[in-house]
Protein backbone atom coordinates (compact mmCIF):
# COMPACT_ATOMS: atom_id res chain seq x y z
CA MET A 1 -0.02 -0.12 -0.10
CA TYR A 2 3.14 2.46 0.74
CA VAL A 3 4.82 1.87 -2.13
CA HIS A 4 1.39 2.69 -4.60
CA ARG A 5 1.10 5.67 -2.54
CA LEU A 6 4.55 6.42 -3.22
CA ASN A 7 4.08 5.25 -6.83
CA ASN A 8 0.88 7.49 -7.23
CA ILE A 9 3.21 10.53 -6.02
CA SER A 10 6.27 10.09 -7.92
CA GLN A 11 3.91 10.21 -11.38
CA LEU A 12 1.86 12.82 -10.19
CA TRP A 13 5.26 15.70 -9.37
CA ALA A 14 6.34 13.27 -12.95
CA ASP A 15 3.04 14.74 -14.95
CA CYS A 16 3.27 18.65 -13.32
CA ALA A 17 7.01 18.59 -14.35
CA ASP A 18 6.35 17.73 -17.68
CA ILE A 19 3.30 20.44 -17.70
CA LEU A 20 5.24 22.80 -16.37
CA GLU A 21 8.18 21.92 -19.51
CA ARG A 22 5.72 22.90 -21.92
CA VAL A 23 4.18 25.54 -20.14
CA LEU A 24 8.20 27.28 -19.72
CA ASP A 25 8.85 26.01 -23.39
CA GLN A 26 6.22 27.01 -25.28
CA ASP A 27 4.62 30.70 -23.04
CA SER A 28 8.47 31.87 -21.43
CA ASP A 29 7.61 35.52 -23.27
CA LYS A 30 3.60 35.66 -22.01
CA ILE A 31 5.10 34.25 -18.31
CA ASP A 32 7.71 36.99 -18.85
CA LYS A 33 5.17 39.65 -19.60
CA VAL A 34 2.67 38.80 -16.83
CA ALA A 35 5.76 39.13 -14.03
CA ALA A 36 6.33 42.40 -15.16
CA THR A 37 3.10 43.09 -15.98
CA TYR A 38 2.32 41.85 -11.92
CA THR A 39 5.89 44.11 -10.85
CA CYS A 40 4.51 46.80 -12.16
CA ALA A 41 1.30 46.81 -10.60
CA GLU A 42 3.04 45.76 -7.29
CA ASP A 43 4.95 48.73 -7.61
CA GLU A 44 2.43 51.70 -7.81
CA ALA A 45 0.38 49.94 -5.46
CA LYS A 46 3.23 50.28 -2.48
CA ALA A 47 3.47 54.10 -3.98
CA ALA A 48 0.14 54.38 -3.21
CA ALA A 49 -0.14 52.70 -0.27
CA ALA A 50 2.20 54.96 1.12
CA ARG A 51 0.95 58.33 -0.43
CA LEU A 52 -2.39 57.84 1.50
CA LYS A 53 0.05 56.72 5.01
CA ARG A 54 1.34 60.51 4.93
């Protein structure tokens, strides 16, 4: 039973790694744009919060 559970977990991790590999290979430009947009929005939110504290 323990080995079966371990095999299931191992297979799940392998499937997730395959999905992540495809995303990084095919959509890395999109991920970069999303990260840049998120960083910009976070910076603007922090600046707005700082202005409100004054």
